[in-house]
Amino acid sequence: MLQKLYKFFEVSTPLGLFLAVLYRLIGFRPIHDKLDQYLSLLRLYIVYKIYIAYCFSIAFKDYGY
């Protein structure tokens, strides 16, 4: 059932992307490799934001901000 929904919506629509992420979190392999690209980009973006926040916290801790 979930696999049919996933094939119907694909990854191009936001609901399809949500179903694909949910499908991946449950533990099934994704049908498309595009989902793995999206998840790796999202992971890279989150790590980048955490790194920038860490660098700014070190840079501005002496100024009391």
N, C-alpha and C. Protein backbone atom coordinates (compact mmCIF):
# COMPACT_ATOMS: atom_id res chain seq x y z
N MET A 1 0.83 -1.20 0.00
CA MET A 1 0.00 0.00 0.00
C MET A 1 0.87 1.26 0.00
N LEU A 2 1.80 1.31 0.94
CA LEU A 2 2.68 2.48 1.04
C LEU A 2 3.58 2.59 -0.18
N GLN A 3 4.00 1.44 -0.69
CA GLN A 3 4.85 1.44 -1.88
C GLN A 3 4.08 1.95 -3.11
N LYS A 4 2.80 1.61 -3.21
CA LYS A 4 1.99 2.11 -4.31
C LYS A 4 1.80 3.62 -4.21
N LEU A 5 1.57 4.12 -3.00
CA LEU A 5 1.46 5.57 -2.81
C LEU A 5 2.76 6.26 -3.17
N TYR A 6 3.86 5.66 -2.77
CA TYR A 6 5.16 6.25 -3.05
C TYR A 6 5.43 6.28 -4.55
N LYS A 7 5.07 5.22 -5.25
CA LYS A 7 5.25 5.21 -6.71
C LYS A 7 4.34 6.22 -7.38
N PHE A 8 3.16 6.44 -6.80
CA PHE A 8 2.21 7.38 -7.40
C PHE A 8 2.70 8.82 -7.28
N PHE A 9 3.14 9.19 -6.09
CA PHE A 9 3.52 10.58 -5.86
C PHE A 9 4.95 10.90 -6.30
N GLU A 10 5.80 9.86 -6.40
CA GLU A 10 7.21 10.04 -6.74
C GLU A 10 7.87 10.95 -5.70
N VAL A 11 8.96 11.60 -6.08
CA VAL A 11 9.66 12.47 -5.15
C VAL A 11 9.46 13.93 -5.55
N SER A 12 8.80 14.17 -6.67
CA SER A 12 8.70 15.53 -7.20
C SER A 12 7.74 16.41 -6.40
N THR A 13 6.74 15.84 -5.76
CA THR A 13 5.81 16.64 -4.97
C THR A 13 6.25 16.64 -3.51
N PRO A 14 5.89 17.67 -2.76
CA PRO A 14 6.27 17.69 -1.33
C PRO A 14 5.68 16.52 -0.54
N LEU A 15 4.45 16.14 -0.86
CA LEU A 15 3.85 15.00 -0.16
C LEU A 15 4.58 13.72 -0.51
N GLY A 16 4.99 13.62 -1.77
CA GLY A 16 5.76 12.44 -2.17
C GLY A 16 7.11 12.38 -1.49
N LEU A 17 7.74 13.55 -1.34
CA LEU A 17 9.02 13.59 -0.64
C LEU A 17 8.84 13.22 0.82
N PHE A 18 7.75 13.70 1.45
CA PHE A 18 7.47 13.35 2.84
C PHE A 18 7.24 11.84 2.98
N LEU A 19 6.46 11.28 2.06
CA LEU A 19 6.23 9.84 2.10
C LEU A 19 7.51 9.06 1.88
N ALA A 20 8.38 9.60 1.00
CA ALA A 20 9.64 8.91 0.73
C ALA A 20 10.54 8.92 1.96
N VAL A 21 10.59 10.06 2.65
CA VAL A 21 11.40 10.14 3.87
C VAL A 21 10.82 9.22 4.94
N LEU A 22 9.51 9.21 5.07
CA LEU A 22 8.85 8.32 6.03
C LEU A 22 9.12 6.86 5.68
N TYR A 23 9.05 6.55 4.40
CA TYR A 23 9.31 5.20 3.91
C TYR A 23 10.74 4.78 4.24
N ARG A 24 11.68 5.74 4.12
CA ARG A 24 13.09 5.47 4.40
C ARG A 24 13.32 5.31 5.90
N LEU A 25 12.65 6.13 6.72
CA LEU A 25 12.84 6.05 8.16
C LEU A 25 12.29 4.76 8.74
N ILE A 26 11.25 4.22 8.12
CA ILE A 26 10.69 2.95 8.59
C ILE A 26 11.70 1.83 8.38
N GLY A 27 12.56 1.99 7.37
CA GLY A 27 13.61 1.00 7.18
C GLY A 27 13.63 0.36 5.81
N PHE A 28 12.72 0.75 4.93
CA PHE A 28 12.70 0.18 3.59
C PHE A 28 13.70 0.92 2.70
N ARG A 29 14.20 0.22 1.71
CA ARG A 29 15.09 0.87 0.75
C ARG A 29 14.27 1.78 -0.15
N PRO A 30 14.79 2.94 -0.50
CA PRO A 30 14.03 3.82 -1.39
C PRO A 30 13.98 3.26 -2.82
N ILE A 31 12.93 3.60 -3.51
CA ILE A 31 12.77 3.14 -4.87
C ILE A 31 13.66 3.96 -5.81
N HIS A 32 13.82 5.24 -5.49
CA HIS A 32 14.61 6.13 -6.32
C HIS A 32 15.90 6.51 -5.61
N ASP A 33 16.95 6.70 -6.37
CA ASP A 33 18.19 7.18 -5.79
C ASP A 33 18.15 8.67 -5.53
N LYS A 34 17.17 9.36 -6.12
CA LYS A 34 17.04 10.80 -5.93
C LYS A 34 16.77 11.12 -4.46
N LEU A 35 16.06 10.24 -3.77
CA LEU A 35 15.79 10.45 -2.35
C LEU A 35 17.09 10.45 -1.55
N ASP A 36 17.99 9.54 -1.86
CA ASP A 36 19.27 9.52 -1.16
C ASP A 36 20.04 10.81 -1.40
N GLN A 37 19.94 11.36 -2.60
CA GLN A 37 20.60 12.64 -2.89
C GLN A 37 19.99 13.75 -2.05
N TYR A 38 18.66 13.79 -1.96
CA TYR A 38 18.00 14.81 -1.15
C TYR A 38 18.39 14.70 0.31
N LEU A 39 18.40 13.48 0.83
CA LEU A 39 18.73 13.29 2.24
C LEU A 39 20.18 13.63 2.53
N SER A 40 21.09 13.31 1.62
CA SER A 40 22.49 13.65 1.85
C SER A 40 22.70 15.16 1.77
N LEU A 41 22.00 15.83 0.86
CA LEU A 41 22.09 17.29 0.80
C LEU A 41 21.51 17.93 2.05
N LEU A 42 20.40 17.40 2.54
CA LEU A 42 19.80 17.92 3.77
C LEU A 42 20.72 17.71 4.95
N ARG A 43 21.35 16.56 5.03
CA ARG A 43 22.29 16.26 6.10
C ARG A 43 23.50 17.20 6.03
N LEU A 44 24.01 17.44 4.82
CA LEU A 44 25.14 18.34 4.63
C LEU A 44 24.76 19.77 5.03
N TYR A 45 23.55 20.21 4.68
CA TYR A 45 23.08 21.55 5.03
C TYR A 45 22.97 21.72 6.54
N ILE A 46 22.44 20.71 7.23
CA ILE A 46 22.30 20.79 8.68
C ILE A 46 23.66 20.83 9.36
N VAL A 47 24.59 20.00 8.91
CA VAL A 47 25.94 20.00 9.48
C VAL A 47 26.62 21.34 9.22
N TYR A 48 26.42 21.91 8.02
CA TYR A 48 26.99 23.21 7.68
C TYR A 48 26.45 24.29 8.60
N LYS A 49 25.14 24.31 8.84
CA LYS A 49 24.53 25.31 9.71
C LYS A 49 25.04 25.17 11.15
N ILE A 50 25.19 23.96 11.64
CA ILE A 50 25.70 23.75 12.99
C ILE A 50 27.14 24.23 13.08
N TYR A 51 27.94 23.96 12.06
CA TYR A 51 29.35 24.39 12.05
C TYR A 51 29.45 25.91 12.03
N ILE A 52 28.63 26.58 11.22
CA ILE A 52 28.65 28.05 11.16
C ILE A 52 28.21 28.64 12.49
N ALA A 53 27.19 28.07 13.12
CA ALA A 53 26.74 28.57 14.42
C ALA A 53 27.82 28.38 15.47
N TYR A 54 28.54 27.27 15.41
CA TYR A 54 29.64 27.02 16.35
C TYR A 54 30.76 28.03 16.14
N CYS A 55 31.11 28.29 14.88
CA CYS A 55 32.17 29.26 14.60
C CYS A 55 31.78 30.66 15.06
N PHE A 56 30.53 31.06 14.84
CA PHE A 56 30.09 32.37 15.29
C PHE A 56 30.04 32.45 16.81
N SER A 57 29.69 31.36 17.47
CA SER A 57 29.65 31.40 18.93
C SER A 57 31.05 31.55 19.50
N ILE A 58 32.04 30.95 18.87
CA ILE A 58 33.43 31.13 19.31
C ILE A 58 33.90 32.55 19.01
N ALA A 59 33.55 33.07 17.85
CA ALA A 59 34.03 34.39 17.43
C ALA A 59 33.45 35.50 18.29
N PHE A 60 32.20 35.37 18.73
CA PHE A 60 31.54 36.46 19.43
C PHE A 60 31.40 36.24 20.92
N LYS A 61 32.01 35.19 21.48
CA LYS A 61 31.83 34.95 22.91
C LYS A 61 32.58 35.98 23.76
N ASP A 62 33.65 36.57 23.23
CA ASP A 62 34.39 37.58 23.98
C ASP A 62 33.66 38.91 24.03
N TYR A 63 32.74 39.14 23.10
CA TYR A 63 32.02 40.40 23.04
C TYR A 63 30.74 40.40 23.85
N GLY A 64 30.36 39.27 24.40
CA GLY A 64 29.18 39.20 25.25
C GLY A 64 27.88 39.13 24.48
N TYR A 65 27.90 38.77 23.22
CA TYR A 65 26.66 38.65 22.46
C TYR A 65 25.99 37.33 22.71
